[in-house]
Amino acid sequence: MGVNYLIRKAADAKTSVLIISKSATHVNFVVKNLVTVEDVLPVDGAWVPKPVPPAGRMRGEMRLRLTKSTENELEMVTEFPPGEGSLCDTLVVDPDGNSFSRRVVRIRSDGTQLECTRVFRRMS
C-alpha cells in the first residue's frame, strides 16, 4: 500500500488503539500506533483534504470523505494523489457489540484491487 516494509512490520508489532466518536455533524477518528493520527470527517460526505503521511513513498495531498454512517457501520473513502488510486475503509460492529470487522480495499490507478478484512474481538 505504499508504506515501507520495516515501518509496516513495526506498526504490526505495536498495539493499536482506535477511538471513534460521533457528533451530529462530524465523526472523529483517532488512531494511536507508532504515531497518533486524527481525522475529523463531516457526516454530510464533504471531502476533507490532508497531506499524505510522511512514512510512505507518496507525496502531495490526499482527500477523505465519509460515505456511510449508520449505527453499526462506517465507511470512508480516501483518494490519493493523481496516479495513486484510492482506498475504501469499512468498519462494521457486530450486533453483540463484542467485535467489529475492518475491510480495506485499495484500488490502484490501473483498476486492480487489493482487499483485506480483519476481525477485532473484545478481550475480557
PDB file of N, CA and C in Angstrom:
ATOM      1  N   MET A   1       0.818  -1.193   0.000  1.00  0.00           N
ATOM      2  CA  MET A   1       0.000   0.000   0.000  1.00  0.00           C
ATOM      3  C   MET A   1       0.859   1.252   0.000  1.00  0.00           C
ATOM      4  N   GLY A   2       2.127   1.110  -0.325  1.00  0.00           N
ATOM      5  CA  GLY A   2       2.988   2.271  -0.442  1.00  0.00           C
ATOM      6  C   GLY A   2       3.736   2.630   0.822  1.00  0.00           C
ATOM      7  N   VAL A   3       3.745   1.738   1.825  1.00  0.00           N
ATOM      8  CA  VAL A   3       4.464   2.011   3.068  1.00  0.00           C
ATOM      9  C   VAL A   3       5.618   1.021   3.185  1.00  0.00           C
ATOM     10  N   ASN A   4       6.775   1.516   3.567  1.00  0.00           N
ATOM     11  CA  ASN A   4       7.990   0.736   3.700  1.00  0.00           C
ATOM     12  C   ASN A   4       7.762  -0.534   4.541  1.00  0.00           C
ATOM     13  N   TYR A   5       8.396  -1.639   4.144  1.00  0.00           N
ATOM     14  CA  TYR A   5       8.254  -2.931   4.813  1.00  0.00           C
ATOM     15  C   TYR A   5       8.591  -2.851   6.303  1.00  0.00           C
ATOM     16  N   LEU A   6       9.704  -2.224   6.658  1.00  0.00           N
ATOM     17  CA  LEU A   6      10.105  -2.146   8.066  1.00  0.00           C
ATOM     18  C   LEU A   6       9.103  -1.330   8.893  1.00  0.00           C
ATOM     19  N   ILE A   7       8.573  -0.261   8.319  1.00  0.00           N
ATOM     20  CA  ILE A   7       7.566   0.538   9.028  1.00  0.00           C
ATOM     21  C   ILE A   7       6.291  -0.276   9.226  1.00  0.00           C
ATOM     22  N   ARG A   8       5.892  -1.045   8.205  1.00  0.00           N
ATOM     23  CA  ARG A   8       4.697  -1.900   8.334  1.00  0.00           C
ATOM     24  C   ARG A   8       4.882  -2.930   9.429  1.00  0.00           C
ATOM     25  N   LYS A   9       6.053  -3.574   9.485  1.00  0.00           N
ATOM     26  CA  LYS A   9       6.313  -4.601  10.499  1.00  0.00           C
ATOM     27  C   LYS A   9       6.336  -3.999  11.901  1.00  0.00           C
ATOM     28  N   ALA A  10       6.932  -2.833  12.045  1.00  0.00           N
ATOM     29  CA  ALA A  10       6.949  -2.162  13.346  1.00  0.00           C
ATOM     30  C   ALA A  10       5.535  -1.799  13.783  1.00  0.00           C
ATOM     31  N   ALA A  11       4.725  -1.328  12.846  1.00  0.00           N
ATOM     32  CA  ALA A  11       3.332  -0.975  13.172  1.00  0.00           C
ATOM     33  C   ALA A  11       2.535  -2.219  13.551  1.00  0.00           C
ATOM     34  N   ASP A  12       2.768  -3.339  12.856  1.00  0.00           N
ATOM     35  CA  ASP A  12       2.059  -4.585  13.177  1.00  0.00           C
ATOM     36  C   ASP A  12       2.423  -5.097  14.576  1.00  0.00           C
ATOM     37  N   ALA A  13       3.651  -4.888  14.986  1.00  0.00           N
ATOM     38  CA  ALA A  13       4.110  -5.396  16.276  1.00  0.00           C
ATOM     39  C   ALA A  13       3.602  -4.552  17.441  1.00  0.00           C
ATOM     40  N   LYS A  14       3.203  -3.346  17.173  1.00  0.00           N
ATOM     41  CA  LYS A  14       2.741  -2.416  18.210  1.00  0.00           C
ATOM     42  C   LYS A  14       1.238  -2.530  18.383  1.00  0.00           C
ATOM     43  N   THR A  15       0.774  -2.449  19.613  1.00  0.00           N
ATOM     44  CA  THR A  15      -0.660  -2.453  19.880  1.00  0.00           C
ATOM     45  C   THR A  15      -1.252  -1.136  19.392  1.00  0.00           C
ATOM     46  N   SER A  16      -2.329  -1.223  18.630  1.00  0.00           N
ATOM     47  CA  SER A  16      -3.007  -0.043  18.114  1.00  0.00           C
ATOM     48  C   SER A  16      -4.264   0.238  18.915  1.00  0.00           C
ATOM     49  N   VAL A  17      -4.617   1.511  18.993  1.00  0.00           N
ATOM     50  CA  VAL A  17      -5.855   1.924  19.641  1.00  0.00           C
ATOM     51  C   VAL A  17      -6.639   2.754  18.640  1.00  0.00           C
ATOM     52  N   LEU A  18      -7.909   2.422  18.450  1.00  0.00           N
ATOM     53  CA  LEU A  18      -8.802   3.161  17.569  1.00  0.00           C
ATOM     54  C   LEU A  18      -9.929   3.725  18.417  1.00  0.00           C
ATOM     55  N   ILE A  19     -10.084   5.041  18.381  1.00  0.00           N
ATOM     56  CA  ILE A  19     -11.152   5.702  19.132  1.00  0.00           C
ATOM     57  C   ILE A  19     -12.025   6.433  18.122  1.00  0.00           C
ATOM     58  N   ILE A  20     -13.320   6.108  18.123  1.00  0.00           N
ATOM     59  CA  ILE A  20     -14.264   6.737  17.208  1.00  0.00           C
ATOM     60  C   ILE A  20     -15.334   7.428  18.038  1.00  0.00           C
ATOM     61  N   SER A  21     -15.580   8.685  17.724  1.00  0.00           N
ATOM     62  CA  SER A  21     -16.679   9.402  18.370  1.00  0.00           C
ATOM     63  C   SER A  21     -17.477  10.117  17.293  1.00  0.00           C
ATOM     64  N   LYS A  22     -18.761  10.303  17.566  1.00  0.00           N
ATOM     65  CA  LYS A  22     -19.648  10.872  16.563  1.00  0.00           C
ATOM     66  C   LYS A  22     -20.487  11.977  17.180  1.00  0.00           C
ATOM     67  N   SER A  23     -20.601  13.085  16.457  1.00  0.00           N
ATOM     68  CA  SER A  23     -21.497  14.166  16.860  1.00  0.00           C
ATOM     69  C   SER A  23     -22.567  14.294  15.772  1.00  0.00           C
ATOM     70  N   ALA A  24     -23.401  15.286  15.885  1.00  0.00           N
ATOM     71  CA  ALA A  24     -24.447  15.487  14.884  1.00  0.00           C
ATOM     72  C   ALA A  24     -23.869  15.871  13.519  1.00  0.00           C
ATOM     73  N   THR A  25     -22.670  16.459  13.508  1.00  0.00           N
ATOM     74  CA  THR A  25     -22.112  16.955  12.251  1.00  0.00           C
ATOM     75  C   THR A  25     -20.829  16.271  11.789  1.00  0.00           C
ATOM     76  N   HIS A  26     -20.112  15.574  12.693  1.00  0.00           N
ATOM     77  CA  HIS A  26     -18.809  15.001  12.348  1.00  0.00           C
ATOM     78  C   HIS A  26     -18.590  13.635  13.006  1.00  0.00           C
ATOM     79  N   VAL A  27     -17.697  12.870  12.406  1.00  0.00           N
ATOM     80  CA  VAL A  27     -17.177  11.647  13.014  1.00  0.00           C
ATOM     81  C   VAL A  27     -15.678  11.874  13.210  1.00  0.00           C
ATOM     82  N   ASN A  28     -15.210  11.602  14.413  1.00  0.00           N
ATOM     83  CA  ASN A  28     -13.818  11.811  14.770  1.00  0.00           C
ATOM     84  C   ASN A  28     -13.139  10.450  14.930  1.00  0.00           C
ATOM     85  N   PHE A  29     -12.031  10.239  14.201  1.00  0.00           N
ATOM     86  CA  PHE A  29     -11.251   9.002  14.271  1.00  0.00           C
ATOM     87  C   PHE A  29      -9.886   9.336  14.841  1.00  0.00           C
ATOM     88  N   VAL A  30      -9.471   8.631  15.880  1.00  0.00           N
ATOM     89  CA  VAL A  30      -8.129   8.779  16.427  1.00  0.00           C
ATOM     90  C   VAL A  30      -7.483   7.394  16.418  1.00  0.00           C
ATOM     91  N   VAL A  31      -6.360   7.278  15.737  1.00  0.00           N
ATOM     92  CA  VAL A  31      -5.605   6.023  15.694  1.00  0.00           C
ATOM     93  C   VAL A  31      -4.279   6.277  16.397  1.00  0.00           C
ATOM     94  N   LYS A  32      -4.032   5.492  17.442  1.00  0.00           N
ATOM     95  CA  LYS A  32      -2.766   5.603  18.179  1.00  0.00           C
ATOM     96  C   LYS A  32      -1.962   4.346  17.895  1.00  0.00           C
ATOM     97  N   ASN A  33      -0.807   4.532  17.260  1.00  0.00           N
ATOM     98  CA  ASN A  33       0.083   3.432  16.947  1.00  0.00           C
ATOM     99  C   ASN A  33       1.494   3.959  17.132  1.00  0.00           C
ATOM    100  N   LEU A  34       2.339   3.868  16.123  1.00  0.00           N
ATOM    101  CA  LEU A  34       3.674   4.463  16.207  1.00  0.00           C
ATOM    102  C   LEU A  34       3.560   5.976  16.334  1.00  0.00           C
ATOM    103  N   VAL A  35       2.569   6.527  15.662  1.00  0.00           N
ATOM    104  CA  VAL A  35       2.224   7.950  15.771  1.00  0.00           C
ATOM    105  C   VAL A  35       0.716   8.029  15.974  1.00  0.00           C
ATOM    106  N   THR A  36       0.247   9.164  16.428  1.00  0.00           N
ATOM    107  CA  THR A  36      -1.193   9.369  16.587  1.00  0.00           C
ATOM    108  C   THR A  36      -1.702  10.153  15.390  1.00  0.00           C
ATOM    109  N   VAL A  37      -2.752   9.627  14.754  1.00  0.00           N
ATOM    110  CA  VAL A  37      -3.364  10.278  13.599  1.00  0.00           C
ATOM    111  C   VAL A  37      -4.817  10.530  13.929  1.00  0.00           C
ATOM    112  N   GLU A  38      -5.275  11.758  13.672  1.00  0.00           N
ATOM    113  CA  GLU A  38      -6.668  12.102  13.930  1.00  0.00           C
ATOM    114  C   GLU A  38      -7.293  12.638  12.653  1.00  0.00           C
ATOM    115  N   ASP A  39      -8.471  12.123  12.331  1.00  0.00           N
ATOM    116  CA  ASP A  39      -9.247  12.607  11.191  1.00  0.00           C
ATOM    117  C   ASP A  39     -10.625  12.994  11.690  1.00  0.00           C
ATOM    118  N   VAL A  40     -11.103  14.145  11.247  1.00  0.00           N
ATOM    119  CA  VAL A  40     -12.446  14.609  11.570  1.00  0.00           C
ATOM    120  C   VAL A  40     -13.172  14.757  10.240  1.00  0.00           C
ATOM    121  N   LEU A  41     -14.182  13.904  10.026  1.00  0.00           N
ATOM    122  CA  LEU A  41     -14.896  13.893   8.755  1.00  0.00           C
ATOM    123  C   LEU A  41     -16.342  14.325   8.951  1.00  0.00           C
ATOM    124  N   PRO A  42     -16.821  15.251   8.123  1.00  0.00           N
ATOM    125  CA  PRO A  42     -18.219  15.661   8.234  1.00  0.00           C
ATOM    126  C   PRO A  42     -19.164  14.537   7.796  1.00  0.00           C
ATOM    127  N   VAL A  43     -20.290  14.394   8.496  1.00  0.00           N
ATOM    128  CA  VAL A  43     -21.242  13.325   8.170  1.00  0.00           C
ATOM    129  C   VAL A  43     -21.977  13.598   6.856  1.00  0.00           C
ATOM    130  N   ASP A  44     -21.886  14.820   6.323  1.00  0.00           N
ATOM    131  CA  ASP A  44     -22.565  15.127   5.061  1.00  0.00           C
ATOM    132  C   ASP A  44     -21.812  14.612   3.834  1.00  0.00           C
ATOM    133  N   GLY A  45     -20.648  13.977   4.029  1.00  0.00           N
ATOM    134  CA  GLY A  45     -19.902  13.390   2.918  1.00  0.00           C
ATOM    135  C   GLY A  45     -18.975  14.350   2.195  1.00  0.00           C
ATOM    136  N   ALA A  46     -18.781  15.551   2.730  1.00  0.00           N
ATOM    137  CA  ALA A  46     -17.879  16.515   2.093  1.00  0.00           C
ATOM    138  C   ALA A  46     -16.430  16.019   2.161  1.00  0.00           C
ATOM    139  N   TRP A  47     -15.661  16.338   1.123  1.00  0.00           N
ATOM    140  CA  TRP A  47     -14.254  15.955   1.080  1.00  0.00           C
ATOM    141  C   TRP A  47     -13.432  16.781   2.055  1.00  0.00           C
ATOM    142  N   VAL A  48     -12.451  16.138   2.685  1.00  0.00           N
ATOM    143  CA  VAL A  48     -11.518  16.808   3.599  1.00  0.00           C
ATOM    144  C   VAL A  48     -10.107  16.567   3.068  1.00  0.00           C
ATOM    145  N   PRO A  49      -9.398  17.627   2.664  1.00  0.00           N
ATOM    146  CA  PRO A  49      -8.018  17.449   2.179  1.00  0.00           C
ATOM    147  C   PRO A  49      -7.046  17.332   3.341  1.00  0.00           C
ATOM    148  N   LYS A  50      -5.977  16.559   3.127  1.00  0.00           N
ATOM    149  CA  LYS A  50      -4.909  16.474   4.125  1.00  0.00           C
ATOM    150  C   LYS A  50      -3.635  16.014   3.446  1.00  0.00           C
ATOM    151  N   PRO A  51      -2.477  16.334   4.024  1.00  0.00           N
ATOM    152  CA  PRO A  51      -1.215  15.888   3.433  1.00  0.00           C
ATOM    153  C   PRO A  51      -1.080  14.371   3.529  1.00  0.00           C
ATOM    154  N   VAL A  52      -0.410  13.787   2.557  1.00  0.00           N
ATOM    155  CA  VAL A  52      -0.102  12.359   2.598  1.00  0.00           C
ATOM    156  C   VAL A  52       0.858  12.132   3.765  1.00  0.00           C
ATOM    157  N   PRO A  53       0.633  11.078   4.593  1.00  0.00           N
ATOM    158  CA  PRO A  53       1.557  10.810   5.712  1.00  0.00           C
ATOM    159  C   PRO A  53       2.984  10.626   5.207  1.00  0.00           C
ATOM    160  N   PRO A  54       3.971  11.062   5.975  1.00  0.00           N
ATOM    161  CA  PRO A  54       5.359  11.064   5.510  1.00  0.00           C
ATOM    162  C   PRO A  54       6.033   9.699   5.431  1.00  0.00           C
ATOM    163  N   ALA A  55       5.453   8.630   5.988  1.00  0.00           N
ATOM    164  CA  ALA A  55       6.148   7.335   6.056  1.00  0.00           C
ATOM    165  C   ALA A  55       6.183   6.578   4.736  1.00  0.00           C
ATOM    166  N   GLY A  56       5.352   6.931   3.774  1.00  0.00           N
ATOM    167  CA  GLY A  56       5.277   6.184   2.521  1.00  0.00           C
ATOM    168  C   GLY A  56       6.018   6.849   1.379  1.00  0.00           C
ATOM    169  N   ARG A  57       5.881   6.267   0.206  1.00  0.00           N
ATOM    170  CA  ARG A  57       6.553   6.798  -0.980  1.00  0.00           C
ATOM    171  C   ARG A  57       5.744   7.911  -1.649  1.00  0.00           C
ATOM    172  N   MET A  58       4.436   8.006  -1.337  1.00  0.00           N
ATOM    173  CA  MET A  58       3.589   9.026  -1.951  1.00  0.00           C
ATOM    174  C   MET A  58       3.932  10.401  -1.399  1.00  0.00           C
ATOM    175  N   ARG A  59       3.725  11.405  -2.225  1.00  0.00           N
ATOM    176  CA  ARG A  59       3.931  12.791  -1.825  1.00  0.00           C
ATOM    177  C   ARG A  59       2.717  13.595  -2.278  1.00  0.00           C
ATOM    178  N   GLY A  60       2.472  14.694  -1.584  1.00  0.00           N
ATOM    179  CA  GLY A  60       1.395  15.579  -2.003  1.00  0.00           C
ATOM    180  C   GLY A  60       0.219  15.541  -1.046  1.00  0.00           C
ATOM    181  N   GLU A  61      -0.957  15.748  -1.619  1.00  0.00           N
ATOM    182  CA  GLU A  61      -2.168  15.833  -0.813  1.00  0.00           C
ATOM    183  C   GLU A  61      -3.163  14.758  -1.229  1.00  0.00           C
ATOM    184  N   MET A  62      -3.881  14.261  -0.241  1.00  0.00           N
ATOM    185  CA  MET A  62      -4.961  13.316  -0.492  1.00  0.00           C
ATOM    186  C   MET A  62      -6.236  13.931   0.066  1.00  0.00           C
ATOM    187  N   ARG A  63      -7.358  13.273  -0.183  1.00  0.00           N
ATOM    188  CA  ARG A  63      -8.602  13.765   0.391  1.00  0.00           C
ATOM    189  C   ARG A  63      -9.448  12.587   0.853  1.00  0.00           C
ATOM    190  N   LEU A  64     -10.221  12.819   1.932  1.00  0.00           N
ATOM    191  CA  LEU A  64     -11.037  11.773   2.551  1.00  0.00           C
ATOM    192  C   LEU A  64     -12.477  12.254   2.643  1.00  0.00           C
ATOM    193  N   ARG A  65     -13.398  11.292   2.667  1.00  0.00           N
ATOM    194  CA  ARG A  65     -14.791  11.619   2.940  1.00  0.00           C
ATOM    195  C   ARG A  65     -15.502  10.417   3.505  1.00  0.00           C
ATOM    196  N   LEU A  66     -16.515  10.684   4.298  1.00  0.00           N
ATOM    197  CA  LEU A  66     -17.363   9.652   4.874  1.00  0.00           C
ATOM    198  C   LEU A  66     -18.436   9.308   3.847  1.00  0.00           C
ATOM    199  N   THR A  67     -18.574   8.027   3.506  1.00  0.00           N
ATOM    200  CA  THR A  67     -19.578   7.630   2.517  1.00  0.00           C
ATOM    201  C   THR A  67     -20.741   6.876   3.138  1.00  0.00           C
ATOM    202  N   LYS A  68     -20.572   6.422   4.395  1.00  0.00           N
ATOM    203  CA  LYS A  68     -21.662   5.738   5.085  1.00  0.00           C
ATOM    204  C   LYS A  68     -21.488   5.908   6.580  1.00  0.00           C
ATOM    205  N   SER A  69     -22.584   6.214   7.259  1.00  0.00           N
ATOM    206  CA  SER A  69     -22.541   6.388   8.707  1.00  0.00           C
ATOM    207  C   SER A  69     -23.874   5.937   9.289  1.00  0.00           C
ATOM    208  N   THR A  70     -23.896   4.702   9.817  1.00  0.00           N
ATOM    209  CA  THR A  70     -25.092   4.175  10.451  1.00  0.00           C
ATOM    210  C   THR A  70     -24.737   3.797  11.888  1.00  0.00           C
ATOM    211  N   GLU A  71     -25.692   3.252  12.591  1.00  0.00           N
ATOM    212  CA  GLU A  71     -25.459   2.873  13.989  1.00  0.00           C
ATOM    213  C   GLU A  71     -24.338   1.856  14.139  1.00  0.00           C
ATOM    214  N   ASN A  72     -24.214   0.939  13.174  1.00  0.00           N
ATOM    215  CA  ASN A  72     -23.196  -0.104  13.310  1.00  0.00           C
ATOM    216  C   ASN A  72     -22.199  -0.160  12.153  1.00  0.00           C
ATOM    217  N   GLU A  73     -22.214   0.838  11.249  1.00  0.00           N
ATOM    218  CA  GLU A  73     -21.293   0.791  10.115  1.00  0.00           C
ATOM    219  C   GLU A  73     -20.806   2.190   9.745  1.00  0.00           C
ATOM    220  N   LEU A  74     -19.492   2.273   9.505  1.00  0.00           N
ATOM    221  CA  LEU A  74     -18.865   3.487   8.997  1.00  0.00           C
ATOM    222  C   LEU A  74     -18.047   3.119   7.772  1.00  0.00           C
ATOM    223  N   GLU A  75     -18.130   3.954   6.759  1.00  0.00           N
ATOM    224  CA  GLU A  75     -17.315   3.729   5.567  1.00  0.00           C
ATOM    225  C   GLU A  75     -16.738   5.059   5.115  1.00  0.00           C
ATOM    226  N   MET A  76     -15.444   5.050   4.829  1.00  0.00           N
ATOM    227  CA  MET A  76     -14.798   6.255   4.331  1.00  0.00           C
ATOM    228  C   MET A  76     -13.950   5.910   3.115  1.00  0.00           C
ATOM    229  N   VAL A  77     -13.800   6.896   2.247  1.00  0.00           N
ATOM    230  CA  VAL A  77     -13.019   6.742   1.031  1.00  0.00           C
ATOM    231  C   VAL A  77     -11.881   7.751   1.061  1.00  0.00           C
ATOM    232  N   THR A  78     -10.705   7.291   0.667  1.00  0.00           N
ATOM    233  CA  THR A  78      -9.533   8.159   0.544  1.00  0.00           C
ATOM    234  C   THR A  78      -9.105   8.155  -0.918  1.00  0.00           C
ATOM    235  N   GLU A  79      -8.965   9.335  -1.497  1.00  0.00           N
ATOM    236  CA  GLU A  79      -8.391   9.473  -2.838  1.00  0.00           C
ATOM    237  C   GLU A  79      -6.968   9.981  -2.673  1.00  0.00           C
ATOM    238  N   PHE A  80      -6.014   9.201  -3.184  1.00  0.00           N
ATOM    239  CA  PHE A  80      -4.613   9.551  -3.089  1.00  0.00           C
ATOM    240  C   PHE A  80      -4.243  10.533  -4.201  1.00  0.00           C
ATOM    241  N   PRO A  81      -3.015  11.060  -4.197  1.00  0.00           N
ATOM    242  CA  PRO A  81      -2.599  11.968  -5.271  1.00  0.00           C
ATOM    243  C   PRO A  81      -2.788  11.315  -6.650  1.00  0.00           C
ATOM    244  N   PRO A  82      -2.889  12.122  -7.711  1.00  0.00           N
ATOM    245  CA  PRO A  82      -3.114  11.588  -9.061  1.00  0.00           C
ATOM    246  C   PRO A  82      -2.163  10.441  -9.402  1.00  0.00           C
ATOM    247  N   GLY A  83      -2.737   9.374  -9.961  1.00  0.00           N
ATOM    248  CA  GLY A  83      -1.968   8.209 -10.363  1.00  0.00           C
ATOM    249  C   GLY A  83      -1.748   7.196  -9.261  1.00  0.00           C
ATOM    250  N   GLU A  84      -2.234   7.469  -8.035  1.00  0.00           N
ATOM    251  CA  GLU A  84      -2.008   6.578  -6.897  1.00  0.00           C
ATOM    252  C   GLU A  84      -3.253   5.787  -6.479  1.00  0.00           C
ATOM    253  N   GLY A  85      -4.399   6.056  -7.086  1.00  0.00           N
ATOM    254  CA  GLY A  85      -5.607   5.284  -6.785  1.00  0.00           C
ATOM    255  C   GLY A  85      -6.345   5.765  -5.550  1.00  0.00           C
ATOM    256  N   SER A  86      -7.084   4.830  -4.935  1.00  0.00           N
ATOM    257  CA  SER A  86      -7.927   5.187  -3.790  1.00  0.00           C
ATOM    258  C   SER A  86      -8.006   4.028  -2.811  1.00  0.00           C
ATOM    259  N   LEU A  87      -8.677   4.275  -1.690  1.00  0.00           N
ATOM    260  CA  LEU A  87      -8.821   3.268  -0.655  1.00  0.00           C
ATOM    261  C   LEU A  87     -10.215   3.414  -0.044  1.00  0.00           C
ATOM    262  N   CYS A  88     -10.900   2.299   0.156  1.00  0.00           N
ATOM    263  CA  CYS A  88     -12.201   2.288   0.822  1.00  0.00           C
ATOM    264  C   CYS A  88     -12.049   1.502   2.118  1.00  0.00           C
ATOM    265  N   ASP A  89     -12.415   2.109   3.233  1.00  0.00           N
ATOM    266  CA  ASP A  89     -12.242   1.531   4.565  1.00  0.00           C
ATOM    267  C   ASP A  89     -13.621   1.410   5.207  1.00  0.00           C
ATOM    268  N   THR A  90     -14.042   0.172   5.503  1.00  0.00           N
ATOM    269  CA  THR A  90     -15.370  -0.068   6.067  1.00  0.00           C
ATOM    270  C   THR A  90     -15.238  -0.744   7.430  1.00  0.00           C
ATOM    271  N   LEU A  91     -15.865  -0.148   8.442  1.00  0.00           N
ATOM    272  CA  LEU A  91     -15.881  -0.694   9.803  1.00  0.00           C
ATOM    273  C   LEU A  91     -17.306  -1.100  10.134  1.00  0.00           C
ATOM    274  N   VAL A  92     -17.496  -2.361  10.561  1.00  0.00           N
ATOM    275  CA  VAL A  92     -18.829  -2.864  10.901  1.00  0.00           C
ATOM    276  C   VAL A  92     -18.774  -3.501  12.285  1.00  0.00           C
ATOM    277  N   VAL A  93     -19.608  -2.995  13.201  1.00  0.00           N
ATOM    278  CA  VAL A  93     -19.695  -3.546  14.551  1.00  0.00           C
ATOM    279  C   VAL A  93     -20.685  -4.699  14.536  1.00  0.00           C
ATOM    280  N   ASP A  94     -20.300  -5.824  15.150  1.00  0.00           N
ATOM    281  CA  ASP A  94     -21.174  -6.988  15.259  1.00  0.00           C
ATOM    282  C   ASP A  94     -22.364  -6.638  16.156  1.00  0.00           C
ATOM    283  N   PRO A  95     -23.549  -7.201  15.882  1.00  0.00           N
ATOM    284  CA  PRO A  95     -24.727  -6.891  16.703  1.00  0.00           C
ATOM    285  C   PRO A  95     -24.534  -7.127  18.202  1.00  0.00           C
ATOM    286  N   ASP A  96     -23.668  -8.079  18.581  1.00  0.00           N
ATOM    287  CA  ASP A  96     -23.463  -8.333  20.014  1.00  0.00           C
ATOM    288  C   ASP A  96     -22.564  -7.284  20.672  1.00  0.00           C
ATOM    289  N   GLY A  97     -21.937  -6.420  19.862  1.00  0.00           N
ATOM    290  CA  GLY A  97     -21.094  -5.356  20.398  1.00  0.00           C
ATOM    291  C   GLY A  97     -19.730  -5.800  20.875  1.00  0.00           C
ATOM    292  N   ASN A  98     -19.395  -7.079  20.716  1.00  0.00           N
ATOM    293  CA  ASN A  98     -18.120  -7.595  21.225  1.00  0.00           C
ATOM    294  C   ASN A  98     -17.040  -7.730  20.156  1.00  0.00           C
ATOM    295  N   SER A  99     -17.355  -7.387  18.909  1.00  0.00           N
ATOM    296  CA  SER A  99     -16.355  -7.461  17.856  1.00  0.00           C
ATOM    297  C   SER A  99     -16.733  -6.509  16.721  1.00  0.00           C
ATOM    298  N   PHE A 100     -15.744  -6.217  15.899  1.00  0.00           N
ATOM    299  CA  PHE A 100     -16.029  -5.483  14.671  1.00  0.00           C
ATOM    300  C   PHE A 100     -15.066  -5.940  13.600  1.00  0.00           C
ATOM    301  N   SER A 101     -15.469  -5.734  12.359  1.00  0.00           N
ATOM    302  CA  SER A 101     -14.601  -6.081  11.243  1.00  0.00           C
ATOM    303  C   SER A 101     -14.187  -4.803  10.528  1.00  0.00           C
ATOM    304  N   ARG A 102     -12.998  -4.854   9.973  1.00  0.00           N
ATOM    305  CA  ARG A 102     -12.488  -3.744   9.178  1.00  0.00           C
ATOM    306  C   ARG A 102     -12.111  -4.300   7.813  1.00  0.00           C
ATOM    307  N   ARG A 103     -12.764  -3.802   6.792  1.00  0.00           N
ATOM    308  CA  ARG A 103     -12.493  -4.226   5.417  1.00  0.00           C
ATOM    309  C   ARG A 103     -11.858  -3.051   4.684  1.00  0.00           C
ATOM    310  N   VAL A 104     -10.663  -3.278   4.163  1.00  0.00           N
ATOM    311  CA  VAL A 104      -9.942  -2.241   3.431  1.00  0.00           C
ATOM    312  C   VAL A 104      -9.754  -2.718   1.997  1.00  0.00           C
ATOM    313  N   VAL A 105     -10.173  -1.892   1.046  1.00  0.00           N
ATOM    314  CA  VAL A 105      -9.993  -2.203  -0.370  1.00  0.00           C
ATOM    315  C   VAL A 105      -9.154  -1.092  -0.985  1.00  0.00           C
ATOM    316  N   ARG A 106      -7.969  -1.447  -1.472  1.00  0.00           N
ATOM    317  CA  ARG A 106      -7.063  -0.495  -2.131  1.00  0.00           C
ATOM    318  C   ARG A 106      -7.254  -0.670  -3.619  1.00  0.00           C
ATOM    319  N   ILE A 107      -7.675   0.387  -4.294  1.00  0.00           N
ATOM    320  CA  ILE A 107      -7.879   0.346  -5.743  1.00  0.00           C
ATOM    321  C   ILE A 107      -6.744   1.131  -6.388  1.00  0.00           C
ATOM    322  N   ARG A 108      -5.932   0.438  -7.158  1.00  0.00           N
ATOM    323  CA  ARG A 108      -4.811   1.088  -7.829  1.00  0.00           C
ATOM    324  C   ARG A 108      -5.321   1.862  -9.044  1.00  0.00           C
ATOM    325  N   SER A 109      -4.489   2.753  -9.556  1.00  0.00           N
ATOM    326  CA  SER A 109      -4.903   3.572 -10.696  1.00  0.00           C
ATOM    327  C   SER A 109      -5.157   2.742 -11.944  1.00  0.00           C
ATOM    328  N   ASP A 110      -4.593   1.525 -12.040  1.00  0.00           N
ATOM    329  CA  ASP A 110      -4.853   0.664 -13.196  1.00  0.00           C
ATOM    330  C   ASP A 110      -6.120  -0.184 -13.017  1.00  0.00           C
ATOM    331  N   GLY A 111      -6.826   0.008 -11.889  1.00  0.00           N
ATOM    332  CA  GLY A 111      -8.082  -0.698 -11.644  1.00  0.00           C
ATOM    333  C   GLY A 111      -7.939  -1.984 -10.849  1.00  0.00           C
ATOM    334  N   THR A 112      -6.714  -2.475 -10.641  1.00  0.00           N
ATOM    335  CA  THR A 112      -6.540  -3.692  -9.852  1.00  0.00           C
ATOM    336  C   THR A 112      -6.807  -3.382  -8.382  1.00  0.00           C
ATOM    337  N   GLN A 113      -7.212  -4.418  -7.638  1.00  0.00           N
ATOM    338  CA  GLN A 113      -7.585  -4.219  -6.239  1.00  0.00           C
ATOM    339  C   GLN A 113      -6.824  -5.151  -5.313  1.00  0.00           C
ATOM    340  N   LEU A 114      -6.604  -4.655  -4.111  1.00  0.00           N
ATOM    341  CA  LEU A 114      -6.053  -5.441  -3.017  1.00  0.00           C
ATOM    342  C   LEU A 114      -7.026  -5.289  -1.868  1.00  0.00           C
ATOM    343  N   GLU A 115      -7.502  -6.407  -1.322  1.00  0.00           N
ATOM    344  CA  GLU A 115      -8.519  -6.360  -0.277  1.00  0.00           C
ATOM    345  C   GLU A 115      -8.052  -7.128   0.945  1.00  0.00           C
ATOM    346  N   CYS A 116      -8.360  -6.564   2.125  1.00  0.00           N
ATOM    347  CA  CYS A 116      -8.004  -7.204   3.381  1.00  0.00           C
ATOM    348  C   CYS A 116      -9.136  -6.993   4.376  1.00  0.00           C
ATOM    349  N   THR A 117      -9.514  -8.055   5.084  1.00  0.00           N
ATOM    350  CA  THR A 117     -10.525  -7.942   6.132  1.00  0.00           C
ATOM    351  C   THR A 117      -9.930  -8.487   7.421  1.00  0.00           C
ATOM    352  N   ARG A 118     -10.055  -7.704   8.493  1.00  0.00           N
ATOM    353  CA  ARG A 118      -9.589  -8.126   9.822  1.00  0.00           C
ATOM    354  C   ARG A 118     -10.761  -8.065  10.771  1.00  0.00           C
ATOM    355  N   VAL A 119     -10.803  -9.008  11.716  1.00  0.00           N
ATOM    356  CA  VAL A 119     -11.844  -9.029  12.734  1.00  0.00           C
ATOM    357  C   VAL A 119     -11.184  -8.764  14.076  1.00  0.00           C
ATOM    358  N   PHE A 120     -11.752  -7.827  14.834  1.00  0.00           N
ATOM    359  CA  PHE A 120     -11.246  -7.457  16.148  1.00  0.00           C
ATOM    360  C   PHE A 120     -12.265  -7.886  17.195  1.00  0.00           C
ATOM    361  N   ARG A 121     -11.807  -8.597  18.219  1.00  0.00           N
ATOM    362  CA  ARG A 121     -12.695  -9.085  19.268  1.00  0.00           C
ATOM    363  C   ARG A 121     -12.318  -8.486  20.611  1.00  0.00           C
ATOM    364  N   ARG A 122     -13.344  -8.151  21.389  1.00  0.00           N
ATOM    365  CA  ARG A 122     -13.128  -7.619  22.728  1.00  0.00           C
ATOM    366  C   ARG A 122     -12.558  -8.722  23.616  1.00  0.00           C
ATOM    367  N   MET A 123     -11.498  -8.392  24.343  1.00  0.00           N
ATOM    368  CA  MET A 123     -10.898  -9.348  25.271  1.00  0.00           C
ATOM    369  C   MET A 123     -11.452  -9.054  26.661  1.00  0.00           C
ATOM    370  N   SER A 124     -11.779 -10.085  27.415  1.00  0.00           N
ATOM    371  CA  SER A 124     -12.366  -9.914  28.744  1.00  0.00           C
ATOM    372  C   SER A 124     -11.390  -9.301  29.712  1.00  0.00           C
TER     373      SER A 124
END
